[in-house]
Amino acid sequence: MAENKYEIVKKGVQEMIEQGNFNIGDKLPTESELMERYQVSRYTVRRAIGDLQNAHYVYRIQGGGMYVDDWQESKSQLTINNKMIGVVTTHLADYIFPSIISGIDRAISAQGYSLIVSNTHNNREKERQSLQQMIDNKVAGLIIEPTQSALPGPNIDLYQKIQEAGIPMIFINAHYPEIEAPYLEVNDTAAEQAVVNHLIKLGHQRILGIFQVDDMQGTNRLKGFINAYMSHPEISYLSKTVMYQSGQDMTKVFEQVSKIMDTPDRPTAVVCYNDELAIQIMDVIRSLDLAIPSDVSIVGFDDFVLTRYLDPELATVEHPKEKMGLDAGKMIVSLVKGEDVSSIKYDLDLKLTTNGSVSKLKAD
């Protein structure tokens, strides 16, 4: 992947410092000079210099310019805090994340470590800020849920910086292929394929799949949906999908689903990216005077605690939330201690309940 302009400026200035072109305390070229040298905007220069400041290569004097910091000393002290584990997640206080974080906390606190948590809200700029905060806090290890993991990652340079600093790192729920690090993930593809195959066995041929496709969980669940239909080629043309990205206006997604469901040959079953979405789709279905499950069966994913209080109870796929947290906590502590670890892939089970949101399709 080609480097963007700000990375070229950052790399160029860093190399000048590391190669000894400027000694500690020497004044660096001005912003205007760097703009001219690299043919970039002032914003690009400031972003590059901002990263170098955070990494302690550069410091500024108000009105006096930019100077070389004691970068070698700072680099050697990056992992001073041997009792703090950083956790970076896309969400924090809702859905399945409290269970994951609780599991992590239980595992690391039993080994004398403390937790520092940062929330990216699935926003890549916030992810960048979170990662830099963890580096600045000199954490002993990092547990990270990648932000928009199905899209090209603009923060790969920070992940590489974490690796170069020798900070142990693991991923949960998804991972970036460019970064070599252990991960803990669920087998999303196989689980979604099992869901769709189960619905087909119950007589459902026209199934609607709704997936968030800017993270790997969503794209893998979409893949499972497609794989199930590919194993039933005689009805594959009857499948329908709706795709969306995080941050998108969900009102338009619900309008699209409503149009699909308000047709004579509407789907008789719906599978959703997760339980949070499924709960909203249940409202869309009811707004069309359709009953669940007699008119439309619906399945979620993740076994969100609220699903068991719905009427009918939502059929879902169980996510090993707290176990994943416990395993992640144990894994990062092992890495900090210099021990070898292996990635974990969890197989999942479909959770069906009596009088739940799935039923056998009635014969016409």
Protein backbone atom coordinates (compact mmCIF):
# COMPACT_ATOMS: atom_id res chain seq x y z
CA MET A 1 0.00 0.00 0.00
CA ALA A 2 1.45 3.40 -1.01
CA GLU A 3 2.45 5.76 1.77
CA ASN A 4 0.33 8.89 2.09
CA LYS A 5 1.88 12.36 2.15
CA TYR A 6 1.91 12.80 5.90
CA GLU A 7 3.67 9.43 6.36
CA ILE A 8 6.34 10.49 3.84
CA VAL A 9 7.00 13.72 5.79
CA LYS A 10 7.05 11.91 9.12
CA LYS A 11 9.36 9.17 7.86
CA GLY A 12 11.66 11.71 6.21
CA VAL A 13 12.09 13.85 9.32
CA GLN A 14 12.46 10.78 11.56
CA GLU A 15 15.18 9.35 9.31
CA MET A 16 17.07 12.66 9.33
CA ILE A 17 17.07 12.55 13.14
CA GLU A 18 17.95 8.85 13.48
CA GLN A 19 20.75 9.10 10.90
CA GLY A 20 22.38 11.90 12.88
CA ASN A 21 21.72 14.78 10.48
CA PHE A 22 20.42 16.64 13.54
CA ASN A 23 21.63 16.13 17.10
CA ILE A 24 19.55 16.38 20.29
CA GLY A 25 18.62 20.01 20.82
CA ASP A 26 19.26 21.05 17.20
CA LYS A 27 16.67 23.21 15.51
CA LEU A 28 14.75 21.49 12.72
CA PRO A 29 13.58 23.07 9.43
CA THR A 30 10.51 25.29 9.79
CA GLU A 31 7.01 24.21 8.79
CA SER A 32 7.30 26.37 5.65
CA GLU A 33 10.61 24.75 4.72
CA LEU A 34 9.15 21.27 5.19
CA MET A 35 6.09 22.27 3.12
CA GLU A 36 8.42 23.36 0.32
CA ARG A 37 10.71 20.31 0.59
CA TYR A 38 7.86 17.75 0.49
CA GLN A 39 5.34 19.79 -1.53
CA VAL A 40 2.58 19.32 1.03
CA SER A 41 0.14 21.46 3.00
CA ARG A 42 0.76 22.94 6.45
CA TYR A 43 -1.85 20.55 7.89
CA THR A 44 0.13 17.56 6.55
CA VAL A 45 3.36 18.85 8.10
CA ARG A 46 1.66 19.52 11.45
CA ARG A 47 0.12 16.05 11.55
CA ALA A 48 3.49 14.44 10.84
CA ILE A 49 5.29 16.59 13.42
CA GLY A 50 2.49 15.90 15.93
CA ASP A 51 3.16 12.17 15.66
CA LEU A 52 6.90 12.75 16.06
CA GLN A 53 6.21 14.85 19.15
CA ASN A 54 4.13 12.05 20.64
CA ALA A 55 7.00 9.64 19.93
CA HIS A 56 9.45 12.09 21.60
CA TYR A 57 11.51 12.75 18.46
CA VAL A 58 10.56 16.42 18.35
CA TYR A 59 9.60 19.17 20.78
CA ARG A 60 8.36 22.68 20.10
CA ILE A 61 9.19 26.00 21.70
CA GLN A 62 6.33 28.49 21.39
CA GLY A 63 7.44 31.05 18.82
CA GLY A 64 10.89 29.47 18.63
CA GLY A 65 10.45 26.54 16.26
CA MET A 66 10.94 22.77 16.40
CA TYR A 67 13.86 20.93 17.98
CA VAL A 68 15.21 17.38 18.26
CA ASP A 69 14.11 15.67 21.48
CA ASP A 70 16.06 13.01 23.39
CA TRP A 71 14.42 10.31 21.29
CA GLN A 72 16.83 7.48 22.13
CA GLU A 73 16.21 7.77 25.87
CA SER A 74 12.44 8.02 25.38
CA LYS A 75 12.41 5.01 23.05
CA SER A 76 14.29 2.87 25.56
CA GLN A 77 11.72 3.69 28.25
CA LEU A 78 8.55 2.96 26.26
CA THR A 79 7.63 -0.11 28.33
CA ILE A 80 8.41 1.19 31.82
CA ASN A 81 4.91 0.62 33.19
CA ASN A 82 5.05 -3.14 33.76
CA LYS A 83 1.73 -3.37 35.64
CA MET A 84 -0.71 -1.61 33.28
CA ILE A 85 -2.58 -3.41 30.47
CA GLY A 86 -4.27 -1.24 27.84
CA VAL A 87 -7.57 -2.20 26.19
CA VAL A 88 -8.81 -0.43 23.04
CA THR A 89 -12.35 -1.36 21.95
CA THR A 90 -14.84 -0.03 19.43
CA HIS A 91 -17.47 0.35 22.18
CA LEU A 92 -17.30 0.33 25.93
CA ALA A 93 -20.40 0.59 28.11
CA ASP A 94 -23.02 -1.27 26.09
CA TYR A 95 -23.87 -4.42 24.15
CA ILE A 96 -21.40 -7.33 24.66
CA PHE A 97 -18.39 -5.20 25.62
CA PRO A 98 -18.90 -4.92 29.41
CA SER A 99 -18.74 -8.74 29.63
CA ILE A 100 -15.54 -8.88 27.56
CA ILE A 101 -13.86 -6.13 29.59
CA SER A 102 -15.00 -7.70 32.86
CA GLY A 103 -13.38 -10.98 31.81
CA ILE A 104 -10.13 -9.22 30.91
CA ASP A 105 -10.09 -7.36 34.23
CA ARG A 106 -10.65 -10.55 36.24
CA ALA A 107 -7.80 -12.33 34.45
CA ILE A 108 -5.18 -9.58 34.68
CA SER A 109 -6.04 -8.39 38.20
CA ALA A 110 -5.46 -11.94 39.46
CA GLN A 111 -1.88 -11.49 38.20
CA GLY A 112 -1.43 -8.05 39.79
CA TYR A 113 -2.06 -5.95 36.67
CA SER A 114 -4.37 -2.95 36.27
CA LEU A 115 -6.55 -1.95 33.34
CA ILE A 116 -6.65 1.24 31.27
CA VAL A 117 -9.48 1.31 28.70
CA SER A 118 -10.10 3.49 25.65
CA ASN A 119 -13.17 3.63 23.39
CA THR A 120 -12.81 4.36 19.64
CA HIS A 121 -16.58 4.45 18.86
CA ASN A 122 -15.50 2.55 15.70
CA ASN A 123 -13.91 5.79 14.41
CA ARG A 124 -10.43 5.54 12.91
CA GLU A 125 -9.25 8.97 14.07
CA LYS A 126 -10.30 8.07 17.62
CA GLU A 127 -8.48 4.76 17.22
CA ARG A 128 -5.33 6.70 16.36
CA GLN A 129 -5.72 8.86 19.47
CA SER A 130 -6.37 5.77 21.62
CA LEU A 131 -3.28 3.94 20.36
CA GLN A 132 -1.07 6.98 20.88
CA GLN A 133 -2.49 7.38 24.40
CA MET A 134 -1.53 3.79 25.19
CA ILE A 135 2.01 4.35 23.89
CA ASP A 136 2.32 7.54 25.93
CA ASN A 137 1.08 5.69 29.03
CA LYS A 138 3.86 3.12 28.53
CA VAL A 139 1.54 0.15 28.98
CA ALA A 140 3.03 -3.31 29.48
CA GLY A 141 0.68 -4.88 26.90
CA LEU A 142 -2.26 -4.09 24.64
CA ILE A 143 -5.57 -5.83 23.86
CA ILE A 144 -7.20 -4.26 20.80
CA GLU A 145 -10.45 -4.62 18.90
CA PRO A 146 -9.62 -3.10 15.49
CA THR A 147 -11.71 -0.23 14.17
CA GLN A 148 -13.49 -0.79 10.82
CA SER A 149 -11.29 -3.85 10.36
CA ALA A 150 -12.59 -4.71 6.88
CA LEU A 151 -11.33 -1.40 5.44
CA PRO A 152 -7.72 -0.37 4.69
CA GLY A 153 -6.21 0.73 8.04
CA PRO A 154 -4.77 4.28 8.12
CA ASN A 155 -3.23 3.61 11.54
CA ILE A 156 -1.01 0.69 10.57
CA ASP A 157 2.03 2.91 11.19
CA LEU A 158 1.10 3.17 14.89
CA TYR A 159 0.64 -0.59 15.16
CA GLN A 160 4.10 -0.99 13.65
CA LYS A 161 5.45 1.53 16.16
CA ILE A 162 3.94 -0.53 18.99
CA GLN A 163 5.67 -3.65 17.63
CA GLU A 164 8.99 -1.83 17.19
CA ALA A 165 8.74 -0.64 20.81
CA GLY A 166 8.40 -4.24 21.92
CA ILE A 167 4.94 -3.80 23.47
CA PRO A 168 3.08 -7.18 23.44
CA MET A 169 -0.23 -6.90 21.57
CA ILE A 170 -3.22 -9.14 20.81
CA PHE A 171 -6.43 -8.58 18.85
CA ILE A 172 -9.99 -9.55 19.78
CA ASN A 173 -13.00 -10.13 17.49
CA ALA A 174 -10.97 -9.26 14.36
CA HIS A 175 -7.39 -8.54 13.32
CA TYR A 176 -5.39 -6.67 10.69
CA PRO A 177 -3.60 -9.16 8.37
CA GLU A 178 -0.71 -6.69 7.98
CA ILE A 179 0.12 -6.92 11.68
CA GLU A 180 1.62 -10.15 12.99
CA ALA A 181 0.03 -10.63 16.39
CA PRO A 182 -2.08 -13.31 18.14
CA TYR A 183 -5.86 -12.91 18.07
CA LEU A 184 -9.06 -14.25 19.61
CA GLU A 185 -12.01 -14.47 17.22
CA VAL A 186 -15.26 -16.32 16.81
CA ASN A 187 -15.89 -18.50 13.77
CA ASP A 188 -18.37 -16.04 12.28
CA THR A 189 -18.51 -17.64 8.83
CA ALA A 190 -19.32 -21.16 10.01
CA ALA A 191 -21.84 -19.89 12.58
CA GLU A 192 -23.79 -17.78 10.06
CA GLN A 193 -23.73 -20.62 7.56
CA ALA A 194 -25.25 -22.91 10.21
CA VAL A 195 -27.99 -20.34 10.92
CA VAL A 196 -29.01 -20.08 7.27
CA ASN A 197 -28.85 -23.85 6.73
CA HIS A 198 -31.11 -24.30 9.78
CA LEU A 199 -33.66 -21.87 8.35
CA ILE A 200 -33.54 -23.63 4.97
CA LYS A 201 -34.23 -26.97 6.70
CA LEU A 202 -37.29 -25.33 8.29
CA GLY A 203 -38.59 -24.57 4.78
CA HIS A 204 -37.40 -20.95 4.42
CA GLN A 205 -36.07 -20.33 0.93
CA ARG A 206 -36.38 -16.55 0.69
CA ILE A 207 -34.08 -15.24 3.42
CA LEU A 208 -32.90 -11.64 3.88
CA GLY A 209 -29.42 -11.07 5.32
CA ILE A 210 -28.54 -7.66 6.79
CA PHE A 211 -24.84 -7.09 7.50
CA GLN A 212 -22.45 -4.33 8.57
CA VAL A 213 -19.57 -4.70 6.13
CA ASP A 214 -16.86 -2.33 7.36
CA ASP A 215 -15.66 -4.78 10.00
CA MET A 216 -14.42 -8.35 9.57
CA GLN A 217 -17.15 -9.82 11.77
CA GLY A 218 -19.80 -8.51 9.37
CA THR A 219 -17.99 -9.52 6.19
CA ASN A 220 -17.36 -13.02 7.57
CA ARG A 221 -21.01 -13.39 8.56
CA LEU A 222 -22.01 -12.25 5.08
CA LYS A 223 -19.63 -14.87 3.69
CA GLY A 224 -21.37 -17.53 5.79
CA PHE A 225 -24.76 -16.40 4.45
CA ILE A 226 -23.50 -16.69 0.86
CA ASN A 227 -21.82 -20.06 1.51
CA ALA A 228 -25.08 -21.52 2.80
CA TYR A 229 -26.95 -20.48 -0.32
CA MET A 230 -24.11 -21.71 -2.57
CA SER A 231 -24.63 -25.17 -1.04
CA HIS A 232 -28.29 -24.90 -2.16
CA PRO A 233 -27.86 -23.58 -5.74
CA GLU A 234 -31.44 -24.41 -6.67
CA ILE A 235 -32.70 -21.59 -4.39
CA SER A 236 -29.68 -19.26 -4.29
CA TYR A 237 -31.42 -16.72 -6.55
CA LEU A 238 -34.09 -16.23 -3.86
CA SER A 239 -31.66 -14.76 -1.31
CA LYS A 240 -31.51 -11.03 -0.60
CA THR A 241 -28.94 -8.90 1.20
CA VAL A 242 -28.73 -5.40 2.64
CA MET A 243 -25.30 -4.03 3.53
CA TYR A 244 -24.31 -0.94 5.49
CA GLN A 245 -21.36 0.64 7.29
CA SER A 246 -20.98 1.94 10.83
CA GLY A 247 -21.92 5.59 11.14
CA GLN A 248 -24.38 5.29 8.26
CA ASP A 249 -27.89 6.75 8.62
CA MET A 250 -29.78 3.64 9.75
CA THR A 251 -33.14 5.21 8.88
CA LYS A 252 -32.34 4.60 5.21
CA VAL A 253 -31.35 1.01 5.96
CA PHE A 254 -34.67 0.42 7.75
CA GLU A 255 -36.56 1.99 4.82
CA GLN A 256 -34.76 -0.38 2.43
CA VAL A 257 -35.65 -3.38 4.61
CA SER A 258 -39.26 -2.20 4.85
CA LYS A 259 -39.58 -2.03 1.05
CA ILE A 260 -38.18 -5.55 0.68
CA MET A 261 -40.51 -6.94 3.34
CA ASP A 262 -43.58 -5.13 1.99
CA THR A 263 -43.83 -7.19 -1.22
CA PRO A 264 -45.91 -10.26 -2.18
CA ASP A 265 -42.77 -12.44 -2.51
CA ARG A 266 -41.15 -11.05 0.65
CA PRO A 267 -38.54 -13.03 2.57
CA THR A 268 -39.97 -15.37 5.18
CA ALA A 269 -36.88 -15.12 7.40
CA VAL A 270 -34.30 -12.46 8.28
CA VAL A 271 -30.78 -12.94 9.66
CA CYS A 272 -29.10 -9.90 11.19
CA TYR A 273 -25.50 -8.81 11.72
CA ASN A 274 -26.09 -8.75 15.48
CA ASP A 275 -28.80 -8.78 18.14
CA GLU A 276 -28.80 -5.01 18.48
CA LEU A 277 -29.80 -4.72 14.82
CA ALA A 278 -32.25 -7.63 15.08
CA ILE A 279 -34.19 -5.87 17.84
CA GLN A 280 -34.63 -2.85 15.56
CA ILE A 281 -35.60 -5.02 12.59
CA MET A 282 -38.28 -6.69 14.73
CA ASP A 283 -39.89 -3.25 15.08
CA VAL A 284 -39.72 -2.73 11.30
CA ILE A 285 -41.42 -6.08 10.70
CA ARG A 286 -44.18 -5.34 13.22
CA SER A 287 -44.76 -1.92 11.63
CA LEU A 288 -45.82 -3.81 8.48
CA ASP A 289 -48.43 -5.78 10.49
CA LEU A 290 -46.36 -8.95 10.19
CA ALA A 291 -46.10 -11.31 13.16
CA ILE A 292 -42.93 -12.90 14.51
CA PRO A 293 -42.39 -15.82 13.96
CA SER A 294 -45.62 -16.91 12.24
CA ASP A 295 -45.12 -14.52 9.30
CA VAL A 296 -41.37 -13.83 9.55
CA SER A 297 -38.66 -15.69 11.45
CA ILE A 298 -35.69 -13.63 12.66
CA VAL A 299 -32.23 -14.52 14.00
CA GLY A 300 -29.60 -12.28 15.58
CA PHE A 301 -26.00 -12.84 16.61
CA ASP A 302 -24.00 -12.45 19.88
CA ASP A 303 -26.57 -13.52 22.55
CA PHE A 304 -27.07 -9.98 23.87
CA VAL A 305 -28.54 -10.09 27.40
CA LEU A 306 -31.66 -8.08 26.43
CA THR A 307 -32.76 -10.70 23.87
CA ARG A 308 -34.01 -13.05 26.58
CA TYR A 309 -36.50 -10.40 27.73
CA LEU A 310 -38.06 -9.91 24.30
CA ASP A 311 -41.41 -11.35 23.30
CA PRO A 312 -40.81 -13.60 21.49
CA GLU A 313 -37.31 -14.31 22.72
CA LEU A 314 -34.81 -13.69 19.93
CA ALA A 315 -33.06 -16.69 18.38
CA THR A 316 -29.38 -15.86 18.32
CA VAL A 317 -25.83 -17.21 18.11
CA GLU A 318 -24.00 -17.43 21.42
CA HIS A 319 -20.86 -15.29 21.69
CA PRO A 320 -18.27 -16.38 24.31
CA LYS A 321 -18.05 -12.83 25.66
CA GLU A 322 -16.68 -13.32 29.15
CA LYS A 323 -14.60 -16.37 28.17
CA MET A 324 -13.01 -14.33 25.38
CA GLY A 325 -12.20 -11.62 27.94
CA LEU A 326 -10.70 -14.13 30.38
CA ASP A 327 -8.68 -15.81 27.64
CA ALA A 328 -7.47 -12.45 26.30
CA GLY A 329 -6.39 -11.35 29.79
CA LYS A 330 -4.47 -14.57 30.38
CA MET A 331 -2.91 -14.40 26.90
CA ILE A 332 -1.61 -10.83 27.22
CA VAL A 333 -0.10 -11.54 30.67
CA SER A 334 1.65 -14.58 29.19
CA LEU A 335 3.04 -12.44 26.36
CA VAL A 336 4.25 -9.79 28.82
CA LYS A 337 6.09 -12.57 30.68
CA GLY A 338 7.74 -13.66 27.43
CA GLU A 339 5.75 -16.88 27.04
CA ASP A 340 4.51 -18.27 23.72
CA VAL A 341 0.76 -18.09 22.97
CA SER A 342 -1.46 -19.26 20.12
CA SER A 343 -4.45 -17.56 18.50
CA ILE A 344 -7.92 -18.83 19.47
CA LYS A 345 -10.91 -19.37 17.17
CA TYR A 346 -14.18 -20.11 19.00
CA ASP A 347 -16.83 -22.37 17.46
CA LEU A 348 -20.35 -21.13 18.21
CA ASP A 349 -23.79 -22.62 18.80
CA LEU A 350 -27.17 -21.43 17.58
CA LYS A 351 -29.38 -20.61 20.55
CA LEU A 352 -33.02 -21.52 19.89
CA THR A 353 -35.82 -21.20 22.44
CA THR A 354 -39.30 -22.67 22.66
CA ASN A 355 -41.81 -20.14 21.35
CA GLY A 356 -38.91 -17.98 20.16
CA SER A 357 -38.47 -15.87 17.02
CA VAL A 358 -37.97 -18.80 14.59
CA SER A 359 -40.60 -21.25 13.36
CA LYS A 360 -41.04 -23.80 10.61
CA LEU A 361 -42.45 -22.30 7.42
CA LYS A 362 -46.11 -23.15 7.01
CA ALA A 363 -47.04 -24.91 3.79
CA ASP A 364 -49.15 -22.80 1.41
